[in-house]
Amino acid sequence: MTLSYDCRKLAELTPEQRDAWRRLQLDQPHLDQPFLCLEFAEAADEFRGCVEVAIATLDGKTVGLVPFHRVGKRRAVPLADGMNEYQALIVDANADLNQRQWMAAAGLGEYCFDHLALVNARNRATSHTTGPCPFADLSGGFDNYCETLKQRGSRTIRETLRKQRKLSREIGEVRFQLETDSTEAFDALIRWKQTQHKRTDVYDTFAHDSVIDFLRRVWKTQTPQFSGFLCTLHAGDSLVAVHLGIRTSRVAHMWFPAYDADLQNYSPGLVMMQEMTKALADQGIQRLDFGPGPQRYKRSLATDAYDVGI
């Protein structure tokens, strides 16, 4: 058996390599993640330019791919660095690859991951653990998910429903939409996130037009393997919360949620998250990832968590 390593630009991938990318994702649950999809890589290529892919081939068959951005000559960083909340080597589970040789063949001295899936002993040995990354297990449906939270002693579902009734009674009838093509809602998301960053003294990623163009591209991407989706929550005629997420056919990832801060006493963000979770479960989504971070609402909605490495 002959194992070889190569590196090429994303646009230069052969049909066999593109098919292998999708096959490897479907074959292993930890690779079924929207951040690992070919479509996300294509959007990142347009956003930042020149996505490269390190490729491992065994007897003419692609058994591994690692997409990356090159910084300088020998340093690799994840796609859409700073907005990518899940990274992994897209590798056949049975392939015995030499990662050092693989990276050397791509002319790389280091790969600076920051949210690497810790799925094997090698990754754990070379990483500092960070996290946890909470998620909602929806494989048994929304009612089973709610029952799991209830048995754990969580009052989140009940309290959120109470807030939803209050919002409907005092502001206007609550309406949720899982997917919208409203540019007004997208603009509100950007505006509210900028306000949030200014209020919390966080660097304003959304001040860059290229970032907004990237998010718009992701939102508009719709394939059977990957799609962006923009959720909205209205109370009466008023938009009160919005969220840009990404998903595969089985896994969704909460990415950029925002809400009208003037209505924070009604918890419109939580109401939207709960409605979104139900709608995704009804569509057959098996898991909703909330992304890394210590926020209380993530812990309150999660049924489990996984760690990632830095």
C-alpha atoms as a PDB file:
ATOM      1  CA  MET A   1       0.000   0.000   0.000  1.00  0.00           C
ATOM      2  CA  THR A   2       1.289   3.433  -0.968  1.00  0.00           C
ATOM      3  CA  LEU A   3       0.541   6.447   1.214  1.00  0.00           C
ATOM      4  CA  SER A   4       1.250   9.886  -0.225  1.00  0.00           C
ATOM      5  CA  TYR A   5       0.671  13.467   0.849  1.00  0.00           C
ATOM      6  CA  ASP A   6      -0.088  16.560  -1.181  1.00  0.00           C
ATOM      7  CA  CYS A   7      -1.431  20.093  -0.886  1.00  0.00           C
ATOM      8  CA  ARG A   8      -3.511  22.103  -3.337  1.00  0.00           C
ATOM      9  CA  LYS A   9      -5.870  25.039  -3.491  1.00  0.00           C
ATOM     10  CA  LEU A  10      -9.520  24.370  -2.661  1.00  0.00           C
ATOM     11  CA  ALA A  11     -10.622  25.231  -6.197  1.00  0.00           C
ATOM     12  CA  GLU A  12      -8.223  22.609  -7.568  1.00  0.00           C
ATOM     13  CA  LEU A  13      -9.759  19.625  -5.748  1.00  0.00           C
ATOM     14  CA  THR A  14     -10.736  16.778  -8.051  1.00  0.00           C
ATOM     15  CA  PRO A  15     -14.275  15.338  -8.109  1.00  0.00           C
ATOM     16  CA  GLU A  16     -12.935  12.255  -6.253  1.00  0.00           C
ATOM     17  CA  GLN A  17     -11.454  14.430  -3.504  1.00  0.00           C
ATOM     18  CA  ARG A  18     -14.653  16.409  -3.132  1.00  0.00           C
ATOM     19  CA  ASP A  19     -16.672  13.194  -2.948  1.00  0.00           C
ATOM     20  CA  ALA A  20     -14.243  11.808  -0.359  1.00  0.00           C
ATOM     21  CA  TRP A  21     -14.670  14.964   1.739  1.00  0.00           C
ATOM     22  CA  ARG A  22     -18.429  14.397   1.934  1.00  0.00           C
ATOM     23  CA  ARG A  23     -18.076  10.627   2.428  1.00  0.00           C
ATOM     24  CA  LEU A  24     -15.648  10.964   5.321  1.00  0.00           C
ATOM     25  CA  GLN A  25     -17.950  13.454   7.032  1.00  0.00           C
ATOM     26  CA  LEU A  26     -20.943  11.133   6.800  1.00  0.00           C
ATOM     27  CA  ASP A  27     -18.979   8.089   7.944  1.00  0.00           C
ATOM     28  CA  GLN A  28     -17.982   9.512  11.337  1.00  0.00           C
ATOM     29  CA  PRO A  29     -20.391  11.303  13.702  1.00  0.00           C
ATOM     30  CA  HIS A  30     -17.772  13.728  15.060  1.00  0.00           C
ATOM     31  CA  LEU A  31     -17.127  14.974  11.508  1.00  0.00           C
ATOM     32  CA  ASP A  32     -20.795  15.697  10.812  1.00  0.00           C
ATOM     33  CA  GLN A  33     -20.370  19.368  11.638  1.00  0.00           C
ATOM     34  CA  PRO A  34     -21.276  22.414   9.510  1.00  0.00           C
ATOM     35  CA  PHE A  35     -17.900  24.073  10.135  1.00  0.00           C
ATOM     36  CA  LEU A  36     -16.249  21.088   8.440  1.00  0.00           C
ATOM     37  CA  CYS A  37     -18.416  21.150   5.321  1.00  0.00           C
ATOM     38  CA  LEU A  38     -17.079  21.834   1.862  1.00  0.00           C
ATOM     39  CA  GLU A  39     -19.623  24.657   1.501  1.00  0.00           C
ATOM     40  CA  PHE A  40     -18.236  26.432   4.578  1.00  0.00           C
ATOM     41  CA  ALA A  41     -14.743  26.128   3.119  1.00  0.00           C
ATOM     42  CA  GLU A  42     -15.937  27.625  -0.166  1.00  0.00           C
ATOM     43  CA  ALA A  43     -17.493  30.581   1.658  1.00  0.00           C
ATOM     44  CA  ALA A  44     -14.267  31.048   3.643  1.00  0.00           C
ATOM     45  CA  ASP A  45     -12.293  30.935   0.400  1.00  0.00           C
ATOM     46  CA  GLU A  46     -14.368  33.800  -0.968  1.00  0.00           C
ATOM     47  CA  PHE A  47     -14.217  35.680   2.346  1.00  0.00           C
ATOM     48  CA  ARG A  48     -10.512  35.469   3.104  1.00  0.00           C
ATOM     49  CA  GLY A  49      -9.034  34.002  -0.031  1.00  0.00           C
ATOM     50  CA  CYS A  50      -6.816  31.078  -0.916  1.00  0.00           C
ATOM     51  CA  VAL A  51      -8.081  28.178   1.185  1.00  0.00           C
ATOM     52  CA  GLU A  52      -5.593  25.338   0.845  1.00  0.00           C
ATOM     53  CA  VAL A  53      -6.186  21.650   1.540  1.00  0.00           C
ATOM     54  CA  ALA A  54      -3.608  19.159   2.808  1.00  0.00           C
ATOM     55  CA  ILE A  55      -4.503  15.795   1.276  1.00  0.00           C
ATOM     56  CA  ALA A  56      -3.581  12.224   2.206  1.00  0.00           C
ATOM     57  CA  THR A  57      -3.989   9.499  -0.428  1.00  0.00           C
ATOM     58  CA  LEU A  58      -3.757   5.733   0.012  1.00  0.00           C
ATOM     59  CA  ASP A  59      -3.393   3.693  -3.197  1.00  0.00           C
ATOM     60  CA  GLY A  60      -5.104   6.428  -5.186  1.00  0.00           C
ATOM     61  CA  LYS A  61      -7.979   6.873  -2.713  1.00  0.00           C
ATOM     62  CA  THR A  62      -8.332  10.059  -0.670  1.00  0.00           C
ATOM     63  CA  VAL A  63      -8.267   9.169   3.039  1.00  0.00           C
ATOM     64  CA  GLY A  64      -7.659  12.565   4.638  1.00  0.00           C
ATOM     65  CA  LEU A  65      -8.187  16.285   4.076  1.00  0.00           C
ATOM     66  CA  VAL A  66      -7.356  19.334   6.187  1.00  0.00           C
ATOM     67  CA  PRO A  67      -8.511  22.716   4.856  1.00  0.00           C
ATOM     68  CA  PHE A  68      -6.657  25.740   6.202  1.00  0.00           C
ATOM     69  CA  HIS A  69      -5.575  29.329   5.674  1.00  0.00           C
ATOM     70  CA  ARG A  70      -1.823  29.893   5.438  1.00  0.00           C
ATOM     71  CA  VAL A  71      -0.263  32.654   7.527  1.00  0.00           C
ATOM     72  CA  GLY A  72       3.202  33.546   6.350  1.00  0.00           C
ATOM     73  CA  LYS A  73       4.921  30.537   4.801  1.00  0.00           C
ATOM     74  CA  ARG A  74       4.630  27.718   7.343  1.00  0.00           C
ATOM     75  CA  ARG A  75       1.792  28.487   9.745  1.00  0.00           C
ATOM     76  CA  ALA A  76      -1.766  27.220   9.220  1.00  0.00           C
ATOM     77  CA  VAL A  77      -4.903  28.516  10.932  1.00  0.00           C
ATOM     78  CA  PRO A  78      -8.501  27.255  10.738  1.00  0.00           C
ATOM     79  CA  LEU A  79     -10.941  28.461   8.112  1.00  0.00           C
ATOM     80  CA  ALA A  80     -12.600  31.766   9.033  1.00  0.00           C
ATOM     81  CA  ASP A  81     -10.351  31.952  12.070  1.00  0.00           C
ATOM     82  CA  GLY A  82     -12.143  33.603  14.979  1.00  0.00           C
ATOM     83  CA  MET A  83     -15.586  32.516  13.755  1.00  0.00           C
ATOM     84  CA  ASN A  84     -14.918  28.785  13.437  1.00  0.00           C
ATOM     85  CA  GLU A  85     -16.066  26.969  16.576  1.00  0.00           C
ATOM     86  CA  TYR A  86     -15.290  23.365  15.588  1.00  0.00           C
ATOM     87  CA  GLN A  87     -12.198  21.940  13.906  1.00  0.00           C
ATOM     88  CA  ALA A  88     -11.082  18.401  13.099  1.00  0.00           C
ATOM     89  CA  LEU A  89      -8.913  16.443  10.716  1.00  0.00           C
ATOM     90  CA  ILE A  90     -11.214  14.969   8.069  1.00  0.00           C
ATOM     91  CA  VAL A  91      -9.612  11.538   8.097  1.00  0.00           C
ATOM     92  CA  ASP A  92     -10.647   7.937   7.474  1.00  0.00           C
ATOM     93  CA  ALA A  93     -10.813   6.243  10.889  1.00  0.00           C
ATOM     94  CA  ASN A  94      -8.791   3.286   9.598  1.00  0.00           C
ATOM     95  CA  ALA A  95      -6.003   5.322   8.024  1.00  0.00           C
ATOM     96  CA  ASP A  96      -2.682   5.377   9.876  1.00  0.00           C
ATOM     97  CA  LEU A  97      -1.383   8.770   8.847  1.00  0.00           C
ATOM     98  CA  ASN A  98       1.823  10.448   9.860  1.00  0.00           C
ATOM     99  CA  GLN A  99       0.625  13.946  10.675  1.00  0.00           C
ATOM    100  CA  ARG A 100       4.152  15.369  10.780  1.00  0.00           C
ATOM    101  CA  GLN A 101       4.906  14.128   7.243  1.00  0.00           C
ATOM    102  CA  TRP A 102       1.488  15.277   6.099  1.00  0.00           C
ATOM    103  CA  MET A 103       2.040  18.819   7.329  1.00  0.00           C
ATOM    104  CA  ALA A 104       5.589  18.873   5.972  1.00  0.00           C
ATOM    105  CA  ALA A 105       4.315  17.911   2.525  1.00  0.00           C
ATOM    106  CA  ALA A 106       2.082  20.995   2.676  1.00  0.00           C
ATOM    107  CA  GLY A 107       5.068  23.120   3.650  1.00  0.00           C
ATOM    108  CA  LEU A 108       3.683  23.687   7.131  1.00  0.00           C
ATOM    109  CA  GLY A 109       5.527  23.886  10.417  1.00  0.00           C
ATOM    110  CA  GLU A 110       2.466  24.247  12.653  1.00  0.00           C
ATOM    111  CA  TYR A 111      -1.324  24.134  12.626  1.00  0.00           C
ATOM    112  CA  CYS A 112      -2.716  26.597  15.182  1.00  0.00           C
ATOM    113  CA  PHE A 113      -6.132  25.143  15.966  1.00  0.00           C
ATOM    114  CA  ASP A 114      -8.279  26.637  18.738  1.00  0.00           C
ATOM    115  CA  HIS A 115     -11.419  24.441  18.804  1.00  0.00           C
ATOM    116  CA  LEU A 116     -10.062  21.002  17.917  1.00  0.00           C
ATOM    117  CA  ALA A 117     -12.344  18.014  18.463  1.00  0.00           C
ATOM    118  CA  LEU A 118     -10.718  15.739  21.061  1.00  0.00           C
ATOM    119  CA  VAL A 119     -11.712  12.385  19.605  1.00  0.00           C
ATOM    120  CA  ASN A 120      -8.533  10.364  20.077  1.00  0.00           C
ATOM    121  CA  ALA A 121      -5.594   9.997  22.439  1.00  0.00           C
ATOM    122  CA  ARG A 122      -3.203  11.765  20.048  1.00  0.00           C
ATOM    123  CA  ASN A 123      -5.319  14.927  19.975  1.00  0.00           C
ATOM    124  CA  ARG A 124      -5.716  14.906  23.734  1.00  0.00           C
ATOM    125  CA  ALA A 125      -1.993  14.418  24.275  1.00  0.00           C
ATOM    126  CA  THR A 126      -1.060  17.433  22.141  1.00  0.00           C
ATOM    127  CA  SER A 127      -3.805  19.812  23.327  1.00  0.00           C
ATOM    128  CA  HIS A 128      -4.767  21.859  26.308  1.00  0.00           C
ATOM    129  CA  THR A 129      -8.414  21.086  27.033  1.00  0.00           C
ATOM    130  CA  THR A 130     -10.862  23.953  26.946  1.00  0.00           C
ATOM    131  CA  GLY A 131     -14.630  24.077  27.057  1.00  0.00           C
ATOM    132  CA  PRO A 132     -16.966  22.541  27.745  1.00  0.00           C
ATOM    133  CA  CYS A 133     -19.024  23.015  24.588  1.00  0.00           C
ATOM    134  CA  PRO A 134     -22.668  22.381  25.562  1.00  0.00           C
ATOM    135  CA  PHE A 135     -25.216  20.805  23.244  1.00  0.00           C
ATOM    136  CA  ALA A 136     -28.829  19.642  23.192  1.00  0.00           C
ATOM    137  CA  ASP A 137     -29.420  15.994  22.320  1.00  0.00           C
ATOM    138  CA  LEU A 138     -32.509  16.015  20.090  1.00  0.00           C
ATOM    139  CA  SER A 139     -32.214  12.435  18.835  1.00  0.00           C
ATOM    140  CA  GLY A 140     -35.311  11.410  20.806  1.00  0.00           C
ATOM    141  CA  GLY A 141     -37.387  14.404  19.713  1.00  0.00           C
ATOM    142  CA  PHE A 142     -38.276  17.661  21.423  1.00  0.00           C
ATOM    143  CA  ASP A 143     -40.564  16.184  24.094  1.00  0.00           C
ATOM    144  CA  ASN A 144     -37.871  13.746  25.183  1.00  0.00           C
ATOM    145  CA  TYR A 145     -35.351  16.599  25.278  1.00  0.00           C
ATOM    146  CA  CYS A 146     -37.671  18.616  27.528  1.00  0.00           C
ATOM    147  CA  GLU A 147     -38.166  15.614  29.799  1.00  0.00           C
ATOM    148  CA  THR A 148     -34.397  15.185  30.108  1.00  0.00           C
ATOM    149  CA  LEU A 149     -34.023  18.803  31.217  1.00  0.00           C
ATOM    150  CA  LYS A 150     -36.909  18.394  33.673  1.00  0.00           C
ATOM    151  CA  GLN A 151     -35.410  15.253  35.230  1.00  0.00           C
ATOM    152  CA  ARG A 152     -32.139  17.108  35.645  1.00  0.00           C
ATOM    153  CA  GLY A 153     -33.991  19.683  37.721  1.00  0.00           C
ATOM    154  CA  SER A 154     -33.954  22.441  35.095  1.00  0.00           C
ATOM    155  CA  ARG A 155     -36.818  24.934  35.127  1.00  0.00           C
ATOM    156  CA  THR A 156     -35.704  26.617  31.900  1.00  0.00           C
ATOM    157  CA  ILE A 157     -38.480  25.287  29.668  1.00  0.00           C
ATOM    158  CA  ARG A 158     -41.216  26.250  32.108  1.00  0.00           C
ATOM    159  CA  GLU A 159     -39.756  29.694  32.828  1.00  0.00           C
ATOM    160  CA  THR A 160     -39.218  30.421  29.134  1.00  0.00           C
ATOM    161  CA  LEU A 161     -42.819  29.517  28.331  1.00  0.00           C
ATOM    162  CA  ARG A 162     -43.941  31.892  31.080  1.00  0.00           C
ATOM    163  CA  LYS A 163     -41.799  34.678  29.572  1.00  0.00           C
ATOM    164  CA  GLN A 164     -43.223  33.889  26.137  1.00  0.00           C
ATOM    165  CA  ARG A 165     -46.807  34.261  27.394  1.00  0.00           C
ATOM    166  CA  LYS A 166     -45.879  37.550  29.078  1.00  0.00           C
ATOM    167  CA  LEU A 167     -44.225  38.827  25.894  1.00  0.00           C
ATOM    168  CA  SER A 168     -47.309  37.905  23.858  1.00  0.00           C
ATOM    169  CA  ARG A 169     -49.675  39.480  26.363  1.00  0.00           C
ATOM    170  CA  GLU A 170     -47.816  42.768  26.871  1.00  0.00           C
ATOM    171  CA  ILE A 171     -46.053  43.417  23.547  1.00  0.00           C
ATOM    172  CA  GLY A 172     -47.914  41.412  20.909  1.00  0.00           C
ATOM    173  CA  GLU A 173     -48.592  37.934  19.610  1.00  0.00           C
ATOM    174  CA  VAL A 174     -45.385  35.926  19.424  1.00  0.00           C
ATOM    175  CA  ARG A 175     -44.467  34.496  16.019  1.00  0.00           C
ATOM    176  CA  PHE A 176     -41.397  32.401  15.256  1.00  0.00           C
ATOM    177  CA  GLN A 177     -39.919  31.609  11.842  1.00  0.00           C
ATOM    178  CA  LEU A 178     -37.106  29.068  11.494  1.00  0.00           C
ATOM    179  CA  GLU A 179     -35.932  30.284   8.083  1.00  0.00           C
ATOM    180  CA  THR A 180     -36.429  33.707   6.575  1.00  0.00           C
ATOM    181  CA  ASP A 181     -34.943  35.558   3.602  1.00  0.00           C
ATOM    182  CA  SER A 182     -35.571  38.944   5.224  1.00  0.00           C
ATOM    183  CA  THR A 183     -32.681  41.353   4.665  1.00  0.00           C
ATOM    184  CA  GLU A 184     -34.208  43.581   7.353  1.00  0.00           C
ATOM    185  CA  ALA A 185     -33.795  40.770   9.889  1.00  0.00           C
ATOM    186  CA  PHE A 186     -30.196  40.190   8.795  1.00  0.00           C
ATOM    187  CA  ASP A 187     -29.445  43.905   9.120  1.00  0.00           C
ATOM    188  CA  ALA A 188     -31.005  43.913  12.599  1.00  0.00           C
ATOM    189  CA  LEU A 189     -28.745  41.024  13.609  1.00  0.00           C
ATOM    190  CA  ILE A 190     -25.645  42.955  12.566  1.00  0.00           C
ATOM    191  CA  ARG A 191     -26.853  46.128  14.265  1.00  0.00           C
ATOM    192  CA  TRP A 192     -27.726  44.390  17.551  1.00  0.00           C
ATOM    193  CA  LYS A 193     -24.429  42.458  17.603  1.00  0.00           C
ATOM    194  CA  GLN A 194     -22.494  45.693  17.094  1.00  0.00           C
ATOM    195  CA  THR A 195     -24.412  47.314  19.928  1.00  0.00           C
ATOM    196  CA  GLN A 196     -23.760  44.293  22.136  1.00  0.00           C
ATOM    197  CA  HIS A 197     -20.027  44.369  21.404  1.00  0.00           C
ATOM    198  CA  LYS A 198     -19.830  48.059  22.154  1.00  0.00           C
ATOM    199  CA  ARG A 199     -21.792  47.621  25.399  1.00  0.00           C
ATOM    200  CA  THR A 200     -19.576  44.734  26.571  1.00  0.00           C
ATOM    201  CA  ASP A 201     -16.332  46.283  25.281  1.00  0.00           C
ATOM    202  CA  VAL A 202     -15.686  43.407  22.855  1.00  0.00           C
ATOM    203  CA  TYR A 203     -13.849  43.850  19.558  1.00  0.00           C
ATOM    204  CA  ASP A 204     -16.436  44.579  16.874  1.00  0.00           C
ATOM    205  CA  THR A 205     -15.958  41.847  14.287  1.00  0.00           C
ATOM    206  CA  PHE A 206     -18.973  43.167  12.403  1.00  0.00           C
ATOM    207  CA  ALA A 207     -17.302  46.496  11.646  1.00  0.00           C
ATOM    208  CA  HIS A 208     -15.690  44.840   8.616  1.00  0.00           C
ATOM    209  CA  ASP A 209     -17.708  44.652   5.405  1.00  0.00           C
ATOM    210  CA  SER A 210     -15.905  41.447   4.433  1.00  0.00           C
ATOM    211  CA  VAL A 211     -17.211  39.721   7.563  1.00  0.00           C
ATOM    212  CA  ILE A 212     -20.774  40.792   6.807  1.00  0.00           C
ATOM    213  CA  ASP A 213     -20.384  39.594   3.211  1.00  0.00           C
ATOM    214  CA  PHE A 214     -19.097  36.249   4.491  1.00  0.00           C
ATOM    215  CA  LEU A 215     -22.052  35.812   6.841  1.00  0.00           C
ATOM    216  CA  ARG A 216     -24.459  36.764   4.077  1.00  0.00           C
ATOM    217  CA  ARG A 217     -22.836  34.194   1.775  1.00  0.00           C
ATOM    218  CA  VAL A 218     -23.148  31.473   4.440  1.00  0.00           C
ATOM    219  CA  TRP A 219     -26.774  32.432   5.106  1.00  0.00           C
ATOM    220  CA  LYS A 220     -27.648  32.144   1.426  1.00  0.00           C
ATOM    221  CA  THR A 221     -25.921  28.778   0.936  1.00  0.00           C
ATOM    222  CA  GLN A 222     -28.477  25.972   0.650  1.00  0.00           C
ATOM    223  CA  THR A 223     -27.447  22.401  -0.237  1.00  0.00           C
ATOM    224  CA  PRO A 224     -28.545  18.985   1.054  1.00  0.00           C
ATOM    225  CA  GLN A 225     -25.261  18.755   3.000  1.00  0.00           C
ATOM    226  CA  PHE A 226     -25.066  22.283   4.424  1.00  0.00           C
ATOM    227  CA  SER A 227     -27.192  25.372   4.862  1.00  0.00           C
ATOM    228  CA  GLY A 228     -27.296  28.638   6.691  1.00  0.00           C
ATOM    229  CA  PHE A 229     -30.564  29.610   8.315  1.00  0.00           C
ATOM    230  CA  LEU A 230     -31.839  32.891   9.727  1.00  0.00           C
ATOM    231  CA  CYS A 231     -34.448  32.612  12.520  1.00  0.00           C
ATOM    232  CA  THR A 232     -36.706  35.415  13.659  1.00  0.00           C
ATOM    233  CA  LEU A 233     -38.981  36.039  16.615  1.00  0.00           C
ATOM    234  CA  HIS A 234     -41.642  38.727  16.398  1.00  0.00           C
ATOM    235  CA  ALA A 235     -43.941  40.115  19.061  1.00  0.00           C
ATOM    236  CA  GLY A 236     -46.781  41.758  17.229  1.00  0.00           C
ATOM    237  CA  ASP A 237     -45.220  43.757  14.405  1.00  0.00           C
ATOM    238  CA  SER A 238     -41.870  44.117  16.184  1.00  0.00           C
ATOM    239  CA  LEU A 239     -38.800  41.979  15.503  1.00  0.00           C
ATOM    240  CA  VAL A 240     -37.473  41.091  18.976  1.00  0.00           C
ATOM    241  CA  ALA A 241     -34.827  38.419  18.315  1.00  0.00           C
ATOM    242  CA  VAL A 242     -32.876  36.979  15.389  1.00  0.00           C
ATOM    243  CA  HIS A 243     -30.299  34.243  14.955  1.00  0.00           C
ATOM    244  CA  LEU A 244     -27.960  33.145  12.160  1.00  0.00           C
ATOM    245  CA  GLY A 245     -27.152  29.449  12.423  1.00  0.00           C
ATOM    246  CA  ILE A 246     -25.581  26.756  10.258  1.00  0.00           C
ATOM    247  CA  ARG A 247     -26.501  23.098   9.877  1.00  0.00           C
ATOM    248  CA  THR A 248     -25.887  19.817   8.150  1.00  0.00           C
ATOM    249  CA  SER A 249     -28.695  17.323   7.631  1.00  0.00           C
ATOM    250  CA  ARG A 250     -28.240  16.049  11.214  1.00  0.00           C
ATOM    251  CA  VAL A 251     -26.390  18.675  13.271  1.00  0.00           C
ATOM    252  CA  ALA A 252     -27.151  22.360  13.793  1.00  0.00           C
ATOM    253  CA  HIS A 253     -24.869  24.934  15.381  1.00  0.00           C
ATOM    254  CA  MET A 254     -26.017  28.076  17.155  1.00  0.00           C
ATOM    255  CA  TRP A 255     -23.753  30.760  15.736  1.00  0.00           C
ATOM    256  CA  PHE A 256     -24.854  34.395  16.031  1.00  0.00           C
ATOM    257  CA  PRO A 257     -27.955  35.126  18.158  1.00  0.00           C
ATOM    258  CA  ALA A 258     -29.101  38.661  19.022  1.00  0.00           C
ATOM    259  CA  TYR A 259     -32.150  40.355  20.496  1.00  0.00           C
ATOM    260  CA  ASP A 260     -33.656  43.744  21.235  1.00  0.00           C
ATOM    261  CA  ALA A 261     -31.934  44.739  24.486  1.00  0.00           C
ATOM    262  CA  ASP A 262     -34.843  47.038  25.385  1.00  0.00           C
ATOM    263  CA  LEU A 263     -36.974  43.913  25.854  1.00  0.00           C
ATOM    264  CA  GLN A 264     -34.449  41.830  27.782  1.00  0.00           C
ATOM    265  CA  ASN A 265     -36.817  41.398  30.737  1.00  0.00           C
ATOM    266  CA  TYR A 266     -38.937  39.179  28.484  1.00  0.00           C
ATOM    267  CA  SER A 267     -35.919  36.996  27.557  1.00  0.00           C
ATOM    268  CA  PRO A 268     -36.680  37.125  23.811  1.00  0.00           C
ATOM    269  CA  GLY A 269     -33.395  35.363  23.034  1.00  0.00           C
ATOM    270  CA  LEU A 270     -34.327  32.379  25.186  1.00  0.00           C
ATOM    271  CA  VAL A 271     -37.833  32.279  23.721  1.00  0.00           C
ATOM    272  CA  MET A 272     -36.327  32.209  20.242  1.00  0.00           C
ATOM    273  CA  MET A 273     -33.818  29.484  21.208  1.00  0.00           C
ATOM    274  CA  GLN A 274     -36.565  27.295  22.621  1.00  0.00           C
ATOM    275  CA  GLU A 275     -38.763  27.720  19.555  1.00  0.00           C
ATOM    276  CA  MET A 276     -35.772  27.066  17.302  1.00  0.00           C
ATOM    277  CA  THR A 277     -34.849  23.889  19.182  1.00  0.00           C
ATOM    278  CA  LYS A 278     -38.362  22.525  18.755  1.00  0.00           C
ATOM    279  CA  ALA A 279     -38.476  23.397  15.052  1.00  0.00           C
ATOM    280  CA  LEU A 280     -35.081  21.805  14.392  1.00  0.00           C
ATOM    281  CA  ALA A 281     -36.050  18.652  16.275  1.00  0.00           C
ATOM    282  CA  ASP A 282     -39.233  18.455  14.200  1.00  0.00           C
ATOM    283  CA  GLN A 283     -37.058  18.564  11.067  1.00  0.00           C
ATOM    284  CA  GLY A 284     -34.976  15.613  12.260  1.00  0.00           C
ATOM    285  CA  ILE A 285     -31.926  17.446  13.608  1.00  0.00           C
ATOM    286  CA  GLN A 286     -30.191  15.092  16.054  1.00  0.00           C
ATOM    287  CA  ARG A 287     -28.048  17.593  17.950  1.00  0.00           C
ATOM    288  CA  LEU A 288     -27.941  21.347  18.458  1.00  0.00           C
ATOM    289  CA  ASP A 289     -24.517  22.660  19.437  1.00  0.00           C
ATOM    290  CA  PHE A 290     -24.448  25.887  21.437  1.00  0.00           C
ATOM    291  CA  GLY A 291     -20.745  26.556  20.905  1.00  0.00           C
ATOM    292  CA  PRO A 292     -18.058  27.190  23.518  1.00  0.00           C
ATOM    293  CA  GLY A 293     -18.555  29.661  26.312  1.00  0.00           C
ATOM    294  CA  PRO A 294     -19.664  29.888  29.942  1.00  0.00           C
ATOM    295  CA  GLN A 295     -22.970  31.657  29.298  1.00  0.00           C
ATOM    296  CA  ARG A 296     -25.655  30.548  31.692  1.00  0.00           C
ATOM    297  CA  TYR A 297     -28.330  30.157  29.024  1.00  0.00           C
ATOM    298  CA  LYS A 298     -26.189  27.610  27.186  1.00  0.00           C
ATOM    299  CA  ARG A 299     -25.837  25.459  30.286  1.00  0.00           C
ATOM    300  CA  SER A 300     -29.539  25.772  31.032  1.00  0.00           C
ATOM    301  CA  LEU A 301     -30.533  24.504  27.557  1.00  0.00           C
ATOM    302  CA  ALA A 302     -27.889  21.776  27.233  1.00  0.00           C
ATOM    303  CA  THR A 303     -28.262  18.082  28.002  1.00  0.00           C
ATOM    304  CA  ASP A 304     -24.526  17.307  27.631  1.00  0.00           C
ATOM    305  CA  ALA A 305     -21.200  18.806  26.571  1.00  0.00           C
ATOM    306  CA  TYR A 306     -17.947  17.921  24.836  1.00  0.00           C
ATOM    307  CA  ASP A 307     -14.449  19.400  25.151  1.00  0.00           C
ATOM    308  CA  VAL A 308     -12.309  20.941  22.447  1.00  0.00           C
ATOM    309  CA  GLY A 309      -8.562  21.535  22.447  1.00  0.00           C
ATOM    310  CA  ILE A 310      -6.371  24.559  21.951  1.00  0.00           C
END
